[in-house]
Amino acid sequence: MTNAEKLAKYEAKLVIWEEAEESVALKGQSYMYDDGDLKRQLTQANITEIRHMISFYENKIAKLERIIDGTSKSIVYARGRG
């Protein structure tokens, strides 16, 4: 899989997790997560996991974008640090 293909995959998964956050955190509804690899029901009890996965995919996307742009030697700081 090329970096561009990975980037598209990670962006699609990020959208799913963001939709889950909107549904669960903002609307108080459950959300059926299905990315083709995994299918599960998410509820308010999963909000910490949902937010973790959003950060996970945001970081994966940022790293791949730096690689694609040729700036992968940049220092990466975890959220809240730097």
N, C-alpha and C. Protein backbone atom coordinates (compact mmCIF):
# COMPACT_ATOMS: atom_id res chain seq x y z
N MET A 1 0.85 -1.17 0.00
CA MET A 1 0.00 0.00 0.00
C MET A 1 0.90 1.24 0.00
N THR A 2 0.60 2.16 -0.88
CA THR A 2 1.40 3.38 -0.97
C THR A 2 1.04 4.33 0.18
N ASN A 3 1.89 5.31 0.41
CA ASN A 3 1.59 6.30 1.45
C ASN A 3 0.31 7.07 1.14
N ALA A 4 0.07 7.35 -0.14
CA ALA A 4 -1.16 8.05 -0.52
C ALA A 4 -2.39 7.19 -0.21
N GLU A 5 -2.29 5.90 -0.45
CA GLU A 5 -3.40 4.99 -0.14
C GLU A 5 -3.62 4.90 1.37
N LYS A 6 -2.52 4.83 2.13
CA LYS A 6 -2.63 4.81 3.59
C LYS A 6 -3.29 6.08 4.08
N LEU A 7 -2.88 7.21 3.52
CA LEU A 7 -3.44 8.49 3.92
C LEU A 7 -4.95 8.52 3.68
N ALA A 8 -5.38 8.07 2.53
CA ALA A 8 -6.82 8.03 2.23
C ALA A 8 -7.56 7.12 3.20
N LYS A 9 -6.97 5.98 3.54
CA LYS A 9 -7.58 5.04 4.48
C LYS A 9 -7.70 5.67 5.86
N TYR A 10 -6.63 6.31 6.34
CA TYR A 10 -6.64 6.93 7.66
C TYR A 10 -7.64 8.10 7.70
N GLU A 11 -7.72 8.87 6.63
CA GLU A 11 -8.67 9.98 6.58
C GLU A 11 -10.10 9.47 6.65
N ALA A 12 -10.38 8.37 5.96
CA ALA A 12 -11.72 7.79 5.98
C ALA A 12 -12.07 7.29 7.38
N LYS A 13 -11.10 6.65 8.06
CA LYS A 13 -11.34 6.17 9.41
C LYS A 13 -11.52 7.33 10.38
N LEU A 14 -10.78 8.41 10.19
CA LEU A 14 -10.93 9.59 11.04
C LEU A 14 -12.35 10.15 10.92
N VAL A 15 -12.88 10.21 9.72
CA VAL A 15 -14.24 10.71 9.51
C VAL A 15 -15.23 9.86 10.29
N ILE A 16 -15.06 8.56 10.26
CA ILE A 16 -15.97 7.65 10.98
C ILE A 16 -15.92 7.93 12.48
N TRP A 17 -14.70 8.07 13.04
CA TRP A 17 -14.58 8.34 14.47
C TRP A 17 -15.13 9.71 14.83
N GLU A 18 -14.95 10.70 13.95
CA GLU A 18 -15.52 12.02 14.21
C GLU A 18 -17.05 11.97 14.18
N GLU A 19 -17.61 11.19 13.28
CA GLU A 19 -19.07 11.02 13.23
C GLU A 19 -19.56 10.33 14.51
N ALA A 20 -18.78 9.36 14.98
CA ALA A 20 -19.14 8.68 16.23
C ALA A 20 -19.14 9.67 17.39
N GLU A 21 -18.12 10.53 17.45
CA GLU A 21 -18.05 11.52 18.52
C GLU A 21 -19.25 12.45 18.47
N GLU A 22 -19.59 12.93 17.28
CA GLU A 22 -20.73 13.83 17.15
C GLU A 22 -22.02 13.16 17.61
N SER A 23 -22.22 11.93 17.18
CA SER A 23 -23.44 11.22 17.52
C SER A 23 -23.52 10.93 19.02
N VAL A 24 -22.42 10.45 19.58
CA VAL A 24 -22.42 10.01 20.98
C VAL A 24 -22.29 11.18 21.95
N ALA A 25 -21.32 12.05 21.73
CA ALA A 25 -21.05 13.12 22.69
C ALA A 25 -22.01 14.29 22.56
N LEU A 26 -22.33 14.67 21.36
CA LEU A 26 -23.14 15.87 21.17
C LEU A 26 -24.64 15.59 21.14
N LYS A 27 -25.00 14.45 20.59
CA LYS A 27 -26.42 14.14 20.44
C LYS A 27 -26.93 13.13 21.46
N GLY A 28 -26.00 12.49 22.19
CA GLY A 28 -26.40 11.51 23.19
C GLY A 28 -26.96 10.22 22.62
N GLN A 29 -26.64 9.95 21.36
CA GLN A 29 -27.14 8.75 20.69
C GLN A 29 -26.03 7.71 20.61
N SER A 30 -26.41 6.48 20.35
CA SER A 30 -25.40 5.46 20.07
C SER A 30 -24.98 5.57 18.60
N TYR A 31 -23.88 4.93 18.27
CA TYR A 31 -23.36 5.00 16.91
C TYR A 31 -22.86 3.62 16.50
N MET A 32 -23.25 3.18 15.32
CA MET A 32 -22.76 1.91 14.80
C MET A 32 -21.50 2.18 14.00
N TYR A 33 -20.37 1.72 14.52
CA TYR A 33 -19.08 1.90 13.87
C TYR A 33 -18.86 0.74 12.91
N ASP A 34 -18.59 1.06 11.66
CA ASP A 34 -18.30 0.02 10.66
C ASP A 34 -17.35 0.61 9.64
N ASP A 35 -16.08 0.19 9.71
CA ASP A 35 -15.09 0.71 8.76
C ASP A 35 -14.68 -0.34 7.74
N GLY A 36 -15.41 -1.43 7.68
CA GLY A 36 -15.08 -2.51 6.75
C GLY A 36 -14.20 -3.56 7.40
N ASP A 37 -13.43 -3.16 8.40
CA ASP A 37 -12.58 -4.09 9.14
C ASP A 37 -13.22 -4.48 10.47
N LEU A 38 -13.98 -3.57 11.03
CA LEU A 38 -14.54 -3.74 12.36
C LEU A 38 -15.94 -3.13 12.40
N LYS A 39 -16.85 -3.82 13.07
CA LYS A 39 -18.21 -3.32 13.24
C LYS A 39 -18.57 -3.45 14.71
N ARG A 40 -19.02 -2.32 15.32
CA ARG A 40 -19.43 -2.38 16.71
C ARG A 40 -20.32 -1.19 17.06
N GLN A 41 -21.04 -1.33 18.14
CA GLN A 41 -21.92 -0.28 18.64
C GLN A 41 -21.17 0.54 19.68
N LEU A 42 -21.17 1.88 19.51
CA LEU A 42 -20.51 2.77 20.45
C LEU A 42 -21.56 3.60 21.18
N THR A 43 -21.33 3.83 22.46
CA THR A 43 -22.24 4.63 23.27
C THR A 43 -21.45 5.67 24.06
N GLN A 44 -22.13 6.42 24.91
CA GLN A 44 -21.48 7.43 25.74
C GLN A 44 -20.34 6.81 26.56
N ALA A 45 -20.48 5.58 26.94
CA ALA A 45 -19.44 4.90 27.72
C ALA A 45 -18.14 4.76 26.93
N ASN A 46 -18.18 4.89 25.62
CA ASN A 46 -17.00 4.75 24.76
C ASN A 46 -16.37 6.08 24.38
N ILE A 47 -16.83 7.20 24.97
CA ILE A 47 -16.36 8.50 24.51
C ILE A 47 -14.85 8.68 24.66
N THR A 48 -14.26 8.16 25.72
CA THR A 48 -12.80 8.28 25.88
C THR A 48 -12.08 7.54 24.76
N GLU A 49 -12.53 6.35 24.45
CA GLU A 49 -11.95 5.58 23.35
C GLU A 49 -12.13 6.30 22.02
N ILE A 50 -13.31 6.86 21.80
CA ILE A 50 -13.59 7.57 20.56
C ILE A 50 -12.62 8.74 20.39
N ARG A 51 -12.45 9.51 21.45
CA ARG A 51 -11.54 10.66 21.37
C ARG A 51 -10.09 10.23 21.22
N HIS A 52 -9.74 9.12 21.83
CA HIS A 52 -8.39 8.57 21.65
C HIS A 52 -8.16 8.19 20.19
N MET A 53 -9.14 7.56 19.57
CA MET A 53 -9.00 7.13 18.18
C MET A 53 -8.94 8.33 17.23
N ILE A 54 -9.66 9.40 17.55
CA ILE A 54 -9.57 10.61 16.74
C ILE A 54 -8.15 11.15 16.79
N SER A 55 -7.57 11.25 17.98
CA SER A 55 -6.18 11.71 18.12
C SER A 55 -5.21 10.77 17.41
N PHE A 56 -5.45 9.47 17.55
CA PHE A 56 -4.60 8.46 16.90
C PHE A 56 -4.56 8.68 15.39
N TYR A 57 -5.73 8.83 14.77
CA TYR A 57 -5.76 9.01 13.31
C TYR A 57 -5.29 10.39 12.89
N GLU A 58 -5.53 11.42 13.70
CA GLU A 58 -4.99 12.74 13.37
C GLU A 58 -3.46 12.69 13.34
N ASN A 59 -2.87 12.00 14.31
CA ASN A 59 -1.41 11.88 14.35
C ASN A 59 -0.87 11.04 13.19
N LYS A 60 -1.56 9.95 12.86
CA LYS A 60 -1.14 9.12 11.73
C LYS A 60 -1.18 9.93 10.42
N ILE A 61 -2.25 10.70 10.26
CA ILE A 61 -2.41 11.52 9.06
C ILE A 61 -1.31 12.57 9.00
N ALA A 62 -1.06 13.26 10.10
CA ALA A 62 -0.03 14.30 10.13
C ALA A 62 1.35 13.71 9.80
N LYS A 63 1.65 12.55 10.34
CA LYS A 63 2.93 11.90 10.08
C LYS A 63 3.06 11.55 8.59
N LEU A 64 2.03 10.95 8.03
CA LEU A 64 2.07 10.58 6.62
C LEU A 64 2.15 11.81 5.72
N GLU A 65 1.45 12.87 6.09
CA GLU A 65 1.52 14.10 5.28
C GLU A 65 2.94 14.66 5.29
N ARG A 66 3.61 14.60 6.44
CA ARG A 66 5.00 15.06 6.50
C ARG A 66 5.91 14.19 5.64
N ILE A 67 5.67 12.88 5.65
CA ILE A 67 6.46 11.96 4.82
C ILE A 67 6.24 12.28 3.35
N ILE A 68 4.97 12.44 2.96
CA ILE A 68 4.64 12.72 1.57
C ILE A 68 5.22 14.06 1.13
N ASP A 69 5.18 15.05 2.03
CA ASP A 69 5.71 16.38 1.72
C ASP A 69 7.22 16.46 1.83
N GLY A 70 7.85 15.40 2.35
CA GLY A 70 9.30 15.40 2.50
C GLY A 70 9.80 16.12 3.74
N THR A 71 8.93 16.30 4.72
CA THR A 71 9.33 16.98 5.95
C THR A 71 9.23 16.04 7.14
N SER A 72 9.47 14.76 6.94
CA SER A 72 9.27 13.76 7.99
C SER A 72 10.28 13.84 9.12
N LYS A 73 11.29 14.67 8.99
CA LYS A 73 12.28 14.78 10.06
C LYS A 73 11.84 15.76 11.15
N SER A 74 10.65 16.33 10.99
CA SER A 74 10.14 17.26 11.99
C SER A 74 9.91 16.54 13.32
N ILE A 75 10.10 17.26 14.40
CA ILE A 75 9.84 16.70 15.73
C ILE A 75 8.34 16.72 15.96
N VAL A 76 7.82 15.60 16.45
CA VAL A 76 6.40 15.49 16.71
C VAL A 76 6.18 15.48 18.20
N TYR A 77 5.33 16.36 18.68
CA TYR A 77 5.00 16.42 20.09
C TYR A 77 3.59 15.86 20.31
N ALA A 78 3.42 15.17 21.40
CA ALA A 78 2.09 14.68 21.74
C ALA A 78 1.20 15.87 22.06
N ARG A 79 -0.11 15.67 21.93
CA ARG A 79 -1.04 16.75 22.24
C ARG A 79 -0.79 17.24 23.66
N GLY A 80 -0.85 18.55 23.80
CA GLY A 80 -0.68 19.13 25.12
C GLY A 80 0.76 19.35 25.51
N ARG A 81 1.67 18.98 24.64
CA ARG A 81 3.09 19.17 24.92
C ARG A 81 3.68 20.06 23.85
N GLY A 82 4.88 20.52 24.12
CA GLY A 82 5.59 21.23 23.07
C GLY A 82 5.95 22.58 23.48
